[in-house]
Full PDB file with SEQRES, HELIX, SHEET, SSBOND, CRYST1, ORIGX, SCALE, CONECT and MASTER records, all heavy atoms in Angstrom:
SEQRES   1 A   35  VAL TYR VAL LEU GLY THR ALA ILE THR TYR MET ALA VAL          
SEQRES   2 A   35  GLY ILE PHE ALA GLY TYR THR GLY GLU GLN LEU GLN ALA          
SEQRES   3 A   35  TYR VAL GLN ASN ILE TRP ALA ILE GLY                          
HELIX    1 AA1 TYR A    2  THR A   20  1                                  19    
HELIX    2 AA2 GLN A   23  VAL A   28  1                                   6    
HELIX    3 AA3 ILE A   31  ILE A   34  1                                   4    
CRYST1    1.000    1.000    1.000  90.00  90.00  90.00 P 1           1          
ORIGX1      1.000000  0.000000  0.000000        0.00000                         
ORIGX2      0.000000  1.000000  0.000000        0.00000                         
ORIGX3      0.000000  0.000000  1.000000        0.00000                         
SCALE1      1.000000  0.000000  0.000000        0.00000                         
SCALE2      0.000000  1.000000  0.000000        0.00000                         
SCALE3      0.000000  0.000000  1.000000        0.00000                         
ATOM      1  N   VAL A   1      34.026 -84.067   7.947  1.00  0.00           N  
ATOM      2  CA  VAL A   1      33.931 -84.365   6.595  1.00  0.00           C  
ATOM      3  C   VAL A   1      34.059 -83.128   5.585  1.00  0.00           C  
ATOM      4  O   VAL A   1      34.752 -83.191   4.562  1.00  0.00           O  
ATOM      5  CB  VAL A   1      32.571 -85.103   6.279  1.00  0.00           C  
ATOM      6  CG1 VAL A   1      32.373 -85.311   4.792  1.00  0.00           C  
ATOM      7  CG2 VAL A   1      32.586 -86.459   6.983  1.00  0.00           C  
ATOM      8  N   TYR A   2      33.452 -82.012   6.096  1.00  0.00           N  
ATOM      9  CA  TYR A   2      33.570 -80.773   5.301  1.00  0.00           C  
ATOM     10  C   TYR A   2      35.037 -80.285   5.256  1.00  0.00           C  
ATOM     11  O   TYR A   2      35.540 -79.937   4.163  1.00  0.00           O  
ATOM     12  CB  TYR A   2      32.697 -79.732   6.032  1.00  0.00           C  
ATOM     13  CG  TYR A   2      32.735 -78.349   5.275  1.00  0.00           C  
ATOM     14  CD1 TYR A   2      31.956 -78.155   4.162  1.00  0.00           C  
ATOM     15  CD2 TYR A   2      33.588 -77.376   5.756  1.00  0.00           C  
ATOM     16  CE1 TYR A   2      31.917 -76.907   3.522  1.00  0.00           C  
ATOM     17  CE2 TYR A   2      33.619 -76.127   5.145  1.00  0.00           C  
ATOM     18  CZ  TYR A   2      32.862 -75.923   4.019  1.00  0.00           C  
ATOM     19  OH  TYR A   2      32.898 -74.648   3.437  1.00  0.00           O  
ATOM     20  N   VAL A   3      35.739 -80.367   6.349  1.00  0.00           N  
ATOM     21  CA  VAL A   3      37.111 -79.887   6.419  1.00  0.00           C  
ATOM     22  C   VAL A   3      38.001 -80.848   5.561  1.00  0.00           C  
ATOM     23  O   VAL A   3      38.870 -80.470   4.884  1.00  0.00           O  
ATOM     24  CB  VAL A   3      37.578 -79.877   7.836  1.00  0.00           C  
ATOM     25  CG1 VAL A   3      39.092 -79.663   7.881  1.00  0.00           C  
ATOM     26  CG2 VAL A   3      36.819 -78.706   8.648  1.00  0.00           C  
ATOM     27  N   LEU A   4      37.605 -82.120   5.556  1.00  0.00           N  
ATOM     28  CA  LEU A   4      38.333 -83.152   4.816  1.00  0.00           C  
ATOM     29  C   LEU A   4      38.228 -82.811   3.228  1.00  0.00           C  
ATOM     30  O   LEU A   4      39.081 -82.914   2.516  1.00  0.00           O  
ATOM     31  CB  LEU A   4      37.828 -84.534   5.040  1.00  0.00           C  
ATOM     32  CG  LEU A   4      38.517 -85.667   4.275  1.00  0.00           C  
ATOM     33  CD1 LEU A   4      39.986 -85.789   4.529  1.00  0.00           C  
ATOM     34  CD2 LEU A   4      37.891 -87.015   4.656  1.00  0.00           C  
ATOM     35  N   GLY A   5      36.998 -82.428   2.919  1.00  0.00           N  
ATOM     36  CA  GLY A   5      36.807 -82.003   1.542  1.00  0.00           C  
ATOM     37  C   GLY A   5      37.670 -80.839   1.073  1.00  0.00           C  
ATOM     38  O   GLY A   5      38.320 -80.805   0.056  1.00  0.00           O  
ATOM     39  N   THR A   6      37.747 -79.777   1.974  1.00  0.00           N  
ATOM     40  CA  THR A   6      38.657 -78.669   1.630  1.00  0.00           C  
ATOM     41  C   THR A   6      40.094 -79.130   1.586  1.00  0.00           C  
ATOM     42  O   THR A   6      40.873 -78.638   0.789  1.00  0.00           O  
ATOM     43  CB  THR A   6      38.535 -77.586   2.680  1.00  0.00           C  
ATOM     44  OG1 THR A   6      38.910 -78.031   3.945  1.00  0.00           O  
ATOM     45  CG2 THR A   6      37.039 -77.036   2.633  1.00  0.00           C  
ATOM     46  N   ALA A   7      40.480 -80.025   2.475  1.00  0.00           N  
ATOM     47  CA  ALA A   7      41.886 -80.566   2.524  1.00  0.00           C  
ATOM     48  C   ALA A   7      42.188 -81.249   1.239  1.00  0.00           C  
ATOM     49  O   ALA A   7      43.313 -81.180   0.690  1.00  0.00           O  
ATOM     50  CB  ALA A   7      42.059 -81.504   3.714  1.00  0.00           C  
ATOM     51  N   ILE A   8      41.246 -81.985   0.627  1.00  0.00           N  
ATOM     52  CA  ILE A   8      41.505 -82.769  -0.530  1.00  0.00           C  
ATOM     53  C   ILE A   8      41.780 -81.752  -1.702  1.00  0.00           C  
ATOM     54  O   ILE A   8      42.720 -81.951  -2.495  1.00  0.00           O  
ATOM     55  CB  ILE A   8      40.337 -83.598  -0.948  1.00  0.00           C  
ATOM     56  CG1 ILE A   8      40.084 -84.802   0.115  1.00  0.00           C  
ATOM     57  CG2 ILE A   8      40.396 -84.241  -2.296  1.00  0.00           C  
ATOM     58  CD1 ILE A   8      38.878 -85.602  -0.171  1.00  0.00           C  
ATOM     59  N   THR A   9      41.093 -80.676  -1.725  1.00  0.00           N  
ATOM     60  CA  THR A   9      41.321 -79.706  -2.839  1.00  0.00           C  
ATOM     61  C   THR A   9      42.751 -79.105  -2.660  1.00  0.00           C  
ATOM     62  O   THR A   9      43.438 -78.969  -3.614  1.00  0.00           O  
ATOM     63  CB  THR A   9      40.295 -78.545  -2.710  1.00  0.00           C  
ATOM     64  OG1 THR A   9      38.968 -79.204  -2.938  1.00  0.00           O  
ATOM     65  CG2 THR A   9      40.599 -77.546  -3.802  1.00  0.00           C  
ATOM     66  N   TYR A  10      43.117 -78.711  -1.412  1.00  0.00           N  
ATOM     67  CA  TYR A  10      44.416 -78.142  -1.179  1.00  0.00           C  
ATOM     68  C   TYR A  10      45.549 -79.171  -1.404  1.00  0.00           C  
ATOM     69  O   TYR A  10      46.627 -78.776  -1.879  1.00  0.00           O  
ATOM     70  CB  TYR A  10      44.447 -77.572   0.292  1.00  0.00           C  
ATOM     71  CG  TYR A  10      43.633 -76.349   0.505  1.00  0.00           C  
ATOM     72  CD1 TYR A  10      42.743 -76.297   1.580  1.00  0.00           C  
ATOM     73  CD2 TYR A  10      43.741 -75.227  -0.384  1.00  0.00           C  
ATOM     74  CE1 TYR A  10      41.973 -75.171   1.742  1.00  0.00           C  
ATOM     75  CE2 TYR A  10      42.954 -74.046  -0.149  1.00  0.00           C  
ATOM     76  CZ  TYR A  10      42.081 -74.109   0.970  1.00  0.00           C  
ATOM     77  OH  TYR A  10      41.332 -72.961   1.165  1.00  0.00           O  
ATOM     78  N   MET A  11      45.249 -80.322  -1.073  1.00  0.00           N  
ATOM     79  CA  MET A  11      46.185 -81.432  -1.351  1.00  0.00           C  
ATOM     80  C   MET A  11      46.457 -81.564  -2.849  1.00  0.00           C  
ATOM     81  O   MET A  11      47.644 -81.698  -3.381  1.00  0.00           O  
ATOM     82  CB  MET A  11      45.840 -82.739  -0.809  1.00  0.00           C  
ATOM     83  CG  MET A  11      46.779 -83.954  -0.982  1.00  0.00           C  
ATOM     84  SD  MET A  11      46.160 -85.488  -0.444  1.00  0.00           S  
ATOM     85  CE  MET A  11      44.753 -85.752  -1.663  1.00  0.00           C  
ATOM     86  N   ALA A  12      45.469 -81.468  -3.649  1.00  0.00           N  
ATOM     87  CA  ALA A  12      45.544 -81.611  -5.097  1.00  0.00           C  
ATOM     88  C   ALA A  12      46.489 -80.487  -5.618  1.00  0.00           C  
ATOM     89  O   ALA A  12      47.322 -80.655  -6.511  1.00  0.00           O  
ATOM     90  CB  ALA A  12      44.250 -81.671  -5.756  1.00  0.00           C  
ATOM     91  N   VAL A  13      46.170 -79.234  -5.144  1.00  0.00           N  
ATOM     92  CA  VAL A  13      46.865 -78.091  -5.654  1.00  0.00           C  
ATOM     93  C   VAL A  13      48.401 -78.179  -5.123  1.00  0.00           C  
ATOM     94  O   VAL A  13      49.250 -77.901  -5.925  1.00  0.00           O  
ATOM     95  CB  VAL A  13      46.249 -76.820  -5.066  1.00  0.00           C  
ATOM     96  CG1 VAL A  13      47.002 -75.631  -5.394  1.00  0.00           C  
ATOM     97  CG2 VAL A  13      44.876 -76.671  -5.680  1.00  0.00           C  
ATOM     98  N   GLY A  14      48.507 -78.676  -3.970  1.00  0.00           N  
ATOM     99  CA  GLY A  14      49.916 -78.841  -3.448  1.00  0.00           C  
ATOM    100  C   GLY A  14      50.764 -79.900  -4.211  1.00  0.00           C  
ATOM    101  O   GLY A  14      51.902 -79.688  -4.521  1.00  0.00           O  
ATOM    102  N   ILE A  15      50.063 -81.022  -4.604  1.00  0.00           N  
ATOM    103  CA  ILE A  15      50.736 -81.939  -5.438  1.00  0.00           C  
ATOM    104  C   ILE A  15      51.125 -81.333  -6.788  1.00  0.00           C  
ATOM    105  O   ILE A  15      52.243 -81.570  -7.304  1.00  0.00           O  
ATOM    106  CB  ILE A  15      49.835 -83.224  -5.650  1.00  0.00           C  
ATOM    107  CG1 ILE A  15      49.676 -84.032  -4.361  1.00  0.00           C  
ATOM    108  CG2 ILE A  15      50.395 -84.168  -6.735  1.00  0.00           C  
ATOM    109  CD1 ILE A  15      48.738 -85.086  -4.376  1.00  0.00           C  
ATOM    110  N   PHE A  16      50.267 -80.579  -7.333  1.00  0.00           N  
ATOM    111  CA  PHE A  16      50.518 -79.971  -8.671  1.00  0.00           C  
ATOM    112  C   PHE A  16      51.732 -78.978  -8.525  1.00  0.00           C  
ATOM    113  O   PHE A  16      52.632 -78.965  -9.390  1.00  0.00           O  
ATOM    114  CB  PHE A  16      49.323 -79.183  -9.167  1.00  0.00           C  
ATOM    115  CG  PHE A  16      49.486 -78.329 -10.323  1.00  0.00           C  
ATOM    116  CD1 PHE A  16      49.714 -78.842 -11.606  1.00  0.00           C  
ATOM    117  CD2 PHE A  16      49.686 -77.016 -10.216  1.00  0.00           C  
ATOM    118  CE1 PHE A  16      50.003 -78.073 -12.679  1.00  0.00           C  
ATOM    119  CE2 PHE A  16      49.924 -76.130 -11.250  1.00  0.00           C  
ATOM    120  CZ  PHE A  16      50.074 -76.756 -12.544  1.00  0.00           C  
ATOM    121  N   ALA A  17      51.701 -78.191  -7.445  1.00  0.00           N  
ATOM    122  CA  ALA A  17      52.755 -77.321  -7.122  1.00  0.00           C  
ATOM    123  C   ALA A  17      54.105 -78.018  -6.961  1.00  0.00           C  
ATOM    124  O   ALA A  17      55.222 -77.578  -7.467  1.00  0.00           O  
ATOM    125  CB  ALA A  17      52.534 -76.454  -5.919  1.00  0.00           C  
ATOM    126  N   GLY A  18      54.077 -79.130  -6.279  1.00  0.00           N  
ATOM    127  CA  GLY A  18      55.241 -79.961  -5.965  1.00  0.00           C  
ATOM    128  C   GLY A  18      55.848 -80.515  -7.349  1.00  0.00           C  
ATOM    129  O   GLY A  18      57.111 -80.537  -7.525  1.00  0.00           O  
ATOM    130  N   TYR A  19      55.001 -80.941  -8.294  1.00  0.00           N  
ATOM    131  CA  TYR A  19      55.507 -81.558  -9.509  1.00  0.00           C  
ATOM    132  C   TYR A  19      56.117 -80.371 -10.445  1.00  0.00           C  
ATOM    133  O   TYR A  19      56.980 -80.685 -11.197  1.00  0.00           O  
ATOM    134  CB  TYR A  19      54.403 -82.195 -10.250  1.00  0.00           C  
ATOM    135  CG  TYR A  19      54.285 -83.681  -9.825  1.00  0.00           C  
ATOM    136  CD1 TYR A  19      53.194 -84.074  -9.042  1.00  0.00           C  
ATOM    137  CD2 TYR A  19      55.196 -84.553 -10.150  1.00  0.00           C  
ATOM    138  CE1 TYR A  19      53.083 -85.437  -8.612  1.00  0.00           C  
ATOM    139  CE2 TYR A  19      55.231 -85.890  -9.823  1.00  0.00           C  
ATOM    140  CZ  TYR A  19      54.164 -86.291  -9.039  1.00  0.00           C  
ATOM    141  OH  TYR A  19      54.012 -87.646  -8.650  1.00  0.00           O  
ATOM    142  N   THR A  20      55.580 -79.169 -10.246  1.00  0.00           N  
ATOM    143  CA  THR A  20      56.099 -78.067 -11.035  1.00  0.00           C  
ATOM    144  C   THR A  20      57.475 -77.588 -10.509  1.00  0.00           C  
ATOM    145  O   THR A  20      58.057 -76.930 -11.188  1.00  0.00           O  
ATOM    146  CB  THR A  20      55.150 -76.918 -11.163  1.00  0.00           C  
ATOM    147  OG1 THR A  20      54.809 -76.501  -9.905  1.00  0.00           O  
ATOM    148  CG2 THR A  20      53.868 -77.318 -11.865  1.00  0.00           C  
ATOM    149  N   GLY A  21      57.740 -77.936  -9.293  1.00  0.00           N  
ATOM    150  CA  GLY A  21      59.102 -77.547  -8.753  1.00  0.00           C  
ATOM    151  C   GLY A  21      59.056 -76.002  -8.523  1.00  0.00           C  
ATOM    152  O   GLY A  21      58.115 -75.412  -8.108  1.00  0.00           O  
ATOM    153  N   GLU A  22      60.241 -75.446  -8.709  1.00  0.00           N  
ATOM    154  CA  GLU A  22      60.451 -73.952  -8.485  1.00  0.00           C  
ATOM    155  C   GLU A  22      59.840 -73.162  -9.609  1.00  0.00           C  
ATOM    156  O   GLU A  22      59.831 -71.973  -9.448  1.00  0.00           O  
ATOM    157  CB  GLU A  22      61.962 -73.794  -8.430  1.00  0.00           C  
ATOM    158  CG  GLU A  22      62.700 -74.420  -7.283  1.00  0.00           C  
ATOM    159  CD  GLU A  22      64.093 -74.095  -7.280  1.00  0.00           C  
ATOM    160  OE1 GLU A  22      64.607 -73.514  -8.226  1.00  0.00           O  
ATOM    161  OE2 GLU A  22      64.735 -74.533  -6.313  1.00  0.00           O  
ATOM    162  N   GLN A  23      59.298 -73.771 -10.645  1.00  0.00           N  
ATOM    163  CA  GLN A  23      58.778 -73.023 -11.665  1.00  0.00           C  
ATOM    164  C   GLN A  23      57.390 -72.473 -11.444  1.00  0.00           C  
ATOM    165  O   GLN A  23      56.954 -71.536 -12.199  1.00  0.00           O  
ATOM    166  CB  GLN A  23      58.702 -73.772 -13.006  1.00  0.00           C  
ATOM    167  CG  GLN A  23      60.074 -74.323 -13.498  1.00  0.00           C  
ATOM    168  CD  GLN A  23      60.896 -73.229 -13.862  1.00  0.00           C  
ATOM    169  OE1 GLN A  23      60.471 -72.232 -14.446  1.00  0.00           O  
ATOM    170  NE2 GLN A  23      62.261 -73.354 -13.558  1.00  0.00           N  
ATOM    171  N   LEU A  24      56.688 -72.858 -10.364  1.00  0.00           N  
ATOM    172  CA  LEU A  24      55.344 -72.465 -10.227  1.00  0.00           C  
ATOM    173  C   LEU A  24      55.298 -70.907  -9.944  1.00  0.00           C  
ATOM    174  O   LEU A  24      54.475 -70.268 -10.598  1.00  0.00           O  
ATOM    175  CB  LEU A  24      54.707 -73.234  -9.005  1.00  0.00           C  
ATOM    176  CG  LEU A  24      53.190 -72.843  -8.751  1.00  0.00           C  
ATOM    177  CD1 LEU A  24      52.428 -73.173  -9.874  1.00  0.00           C  
ATOM    178  CD2 LEU A  24      52.733 -73.562  -7.489  1.00  0.00           C  
ATOM    179  N   GLN A  25      56.135 -70.512  -9.047  1.00  0.00           N  
ATOM    180  CA  GLN A  25      56.075 -69.002  -8.844  1.00  0.00           C  
ATOM    181  C   GLN A  25      56.670 -68.200  -9.930  1.00  0.00           C  
ATOM    182  O   GLN A  25      56.258 -67.123 -10.234  1.00  0.00           O  
ATOM    183  CB  GLN A  25      56.861 -68.722  -7.544  1.00  0.00           C  
ATOM    184  CG  GLN A  25      58.384 -69.031  -7.654  1.00  0.00           C  
ATOM    185  CD  GLN A  25      59.097 -68.695  -6.368  1.00  0.00           C  
ATOM    186  OE1 GLN A  25      58.491 -68.168  -5.444  1.00  0.00           O  
ATOM    187  NE2 GLN A  25      60.415 -68.853  -6.369  1.00  0.00           N  
ATOM    188  N   ALA A  26      57.497 -68.873 -10.779  1.00  0.00           N  
ATOM    189  CA  ALA A  26      58.061 -68.206 -11.941  1.00  0.00           C  
ATOM    190  C   ALA A  26      56.994 -67.924 -12.974  1.00  0.00           C  
ATOM    191  O   ALA A  26      57.029 -66.950 -13.725  1.00  0.00           O  
ATOM    192  CB  ALA A  26      59.162 -68.931 -12.578  1.00  0.00           C  
ATOM    193  N   TYR A  27      55.973 -68.768 -12.995  1.00  0.00           N  
ATOM    194  CA  TYR A  27      54.970 -68.719 -13.990  1.00  0.00           C  
ATOM    195  C   TYR A  27      54.114 -67.416 -13.729  1.00  0.00           C  
ATOM    196  O   TYR A  27      53.592 -66.758 -14.802  1.00  0.00           O  
ATOM    197  CB  TYR A  27      53.971 -69.838 -13.983  1.00  0.00           C  
ATOM    198  CG  TYR A  27      54.617 -71.216 -14.405  1.00  0.00           C  
ATOM    199  CD1 TYR A  27      54.185 -72.404 -13.819  1.00  0.00           C  
ATOM    200  CD2 TYR A  27      55.609 -71.173 -15.201  1.00  0.00           C  
ATOM    201  CE1 TYR A  27      54.846 -73.597 -14.283  1.00  0.00           C  
ATOM    202  CE2 TYR A  27      56.245 -72.364 -15.710  1.00  0.00           C  
ATOM    203  CZ  TYR A  27      55.861 -73.556 -15.145  1.00  0.00           C  
ATOM    204  OH  TYR A  27      56.402 -74.782 -15.540  1.00  0.00           O  
ATOM    205  N   VAL A  28      53.987 -66.975 -12.570  1.00  0.00           N  
ATOM    206  CA  VAL A  28      53.217 -65.781 -12.277  1.00  0.00           C  
ATOM    207  C   VAL A  28      54.085 -64.479 -11.952  1.00  0.00           C  
ATOM    208  O   VAL A  28      53.493 -63.464 -11.759  1.00  0.00           O  
ATOM    209  CB  VAL A  28      52.273 -66.057 -11.088  1.00  0.00           C  
ATOM    210  CG1 VAL A  28      51.293 -67.085 -11.420  1.00  0.00           C  
ATOM    211  CG2 VAL A  28      53.004 -66.401  -9.813  1.00  0.00           C  
ATOM    212  N   GLN A  29      55.373 -64.667 -11.871  1.00  0.00           N  
ATOM    213  CA  GLN A  29      56.237 -63.576 -11.602  1.00  0.00           C  
ATOM    214  C   GLN A  29      56.733 -62.960 -12.931  1.00  0.00           C  
ATOM    215  O   GLN A  29      57.888 -62.942 -13.254  1.00  0.00           O  
ATOM    216  CB  GLN A  29      57.437 -63.991 -10.739  1.00  0.00           C  
ATOM    217  CG  GLN A  29      57.075 -64.425  -9.315  1.00  0.00           C  
ATOM    218  CD  GLN A  29      56.398 -63.353  -8.605  1.00  0.00           C  
ATOM    219  OE1 GLN A  29      56.829 -62.168  -8.748  1.00  0.00           O  
ATOM    220  NE2 GLN A  29      55.410 -63.632  -7.797  1.00  0.00           N  
ATOM    221  N   ASN A  30      55.761 -62.565 -13.779  1.00  0.00           N  
ATOM    222  CA  ASN A  30      56.124 -61.803 -14.958  1.00  0.00           C  
ATOM    223  C   ASN A  30      55.000 -60.665 -15.177  1.00  0.00           C  
ATOM    224  O   ASN A  30      53.998 -60.739 -14.544  1.00  0.00           O  
ATOM    225  CB  ASN A  30      56.147 -62.794 -16.196  1.00  0.00           C  
ATOM    226  CG  ASN A  30      54.748 -63.479 -16.409  1.00  0.00           C  
ATOM    227  OD1 ASN A  30      53.937 -62.945 -16.951  1.00  0.00           O  
ATOM    228  ND2 ASN A  30      54.796 -64.792 -15.977  1.00  0.00           N  
ATOM    229  N   ILE A  31      55.378 -59.876 -16.085  1.00  0.00           N  
ATOM    230  CA  ILE A  31      54.532 -58.602 -16.252  1.00  0.00           C  
ATOM    231  C   ILE A  31      53.096 -59.074 -16.731  1.00  0.00           C  
ATOM    232  O   ILE A  31      52.147 -58.344 -16.428  1.00  0.00           O  
ATOM    233  CB  ILE A  31      55.194 -57.693 -17.304  1.00  0.00           C  
ATOM    234  CG1 ILE A  31      54.464 -56.364 -17.335  1.00  0.00           C  
ATOM    235  CG2 ILE A  31      55.348 -58.371 -18.660  1.00  0.00           C  
ATOM    236  CD1 ILE A  31      55.126 -55.274 -18.056  1.00  0.00           C  
ATOM    237  N   TRP A  32      52.918 -60.047 -17.536  1.00  0.00           N  
ATOM    238  CA  TRP A  32      51.682 -60.414 -18.067  1.00  0.00           C  
ATOM    239  C   TRP A  32      50.745 -60.995 -16.916  1.00  0.00           C  
ATOM    240  O   TRP A  32      49.495 -60.526 -16.889  1.00  0.00           O  
ATOM    241  CB  TRP A  32      51.750 -61.448 -19.216  1.00  0.00           C  
ATOM    242  CG  TRP A  32      52.650 -60.994 -20.306  1.00  0.00           C  
ATOM    243  CD1 TRP A  32      53.899 -61.363 -20.610  1.00  0.00           C  
ATOM    244  CD2 TRP A  32      52.414 -59.919 -21.204  1.00  0.00           C  
ATOM    245  NE1 TRP A  32      54.384 -60.711 -21.694  1.00  0.00           N  
ATOM    246  CE2 TRP A  32      53.421 -59.798 -22.114  1.00  0.00           C  
ATOM    247  CE3 TRP A  32      51.182 -59.138 -21.467  1.00  0.00           C  
ATOM    248  CZ2 TRP A  32      53.444 -58.858 -23.144  1.00  0.00           C  
ATOM    249  CZ3 TRP A  32      51.143 -58.231 -22.514  1.00  0.00           C  
ATOM    250  CH2 TRP A  32      52.303 -58.105 -23.283  1.00  0.00           C  
ATOM    251  N   ALA A  33      51.247 -61.917 -16.220  1.00  0.00           N  
ATOM    252  CA  ALA A  33      50.446 -62.521 -15.065  1.00  0.00           C  
ATOM    253  C   ALA A  33      50.106 -61.427 -14.021  1.00  0.00           C  
ATOM    254  O   ALA A  33      48.988 -61.290 -13.589  1.00  0.00           O  
ATOM    255  CB  ALA A  33      51.162 -63.661 -14.414  1.00  0.00           C  
ATOM    256  N   ILE A  34      51.135 -60.655 -13.630  1.00  0.00           N  
ATOM    257  CA  ILE A  34      50.890 -59.675 -12.582  1.00  0.00           C  
ATOM    258  C   ILE A  34      49.938 -58.553 -13.106  1.00  0.00           C  
ATOM    259  O   ILE A  34      49.060 -58.118 -12.427  1.00  0.00           O  
ATOM    260  CB  ILE A  34      52.192 -59.018 -12.183  1.00  0.00           C  
ATOM    261  CG1 ILE A  34      53.074 -60.000 -11.440  1.00  0.00           C  
ATOM    262  CG2 ILE A  34      51.922 -57.803 -11.274  1.00  0.00           C  
ATOM    263  CD1 ILE A  34      54.438 -59.484 -11.134  1.00  0.00           C  
ATOM    264  N   GLY A  35      50.094 -58.216 -14.387  1.00  0.00           N  
ATOM    265  CA  GLY A  35      49.216 -57.234 -14.980  1.00  0.00           C  
ATOM    266  C   GLY A  35      47.779 -57.786 -15.022  1.00  0.00           C  
ATOM    267  O   GLY A  35      46.793 -56.987 -14.786  1.00  0.00           O  
TER     268      GLY A  35                                                      
MASTER        0    0    0    3    0    0    0    6  267    1    0    3          
END                                                                             
């Protein structure tokens, strides 16, 4: 049950990343985010 809870969180983050497409990594690959 504990592992299932962690999986739910990662699944939610994964769904969000999937809907953003290729732009997710672009959001953090800039001087402001890295800084």
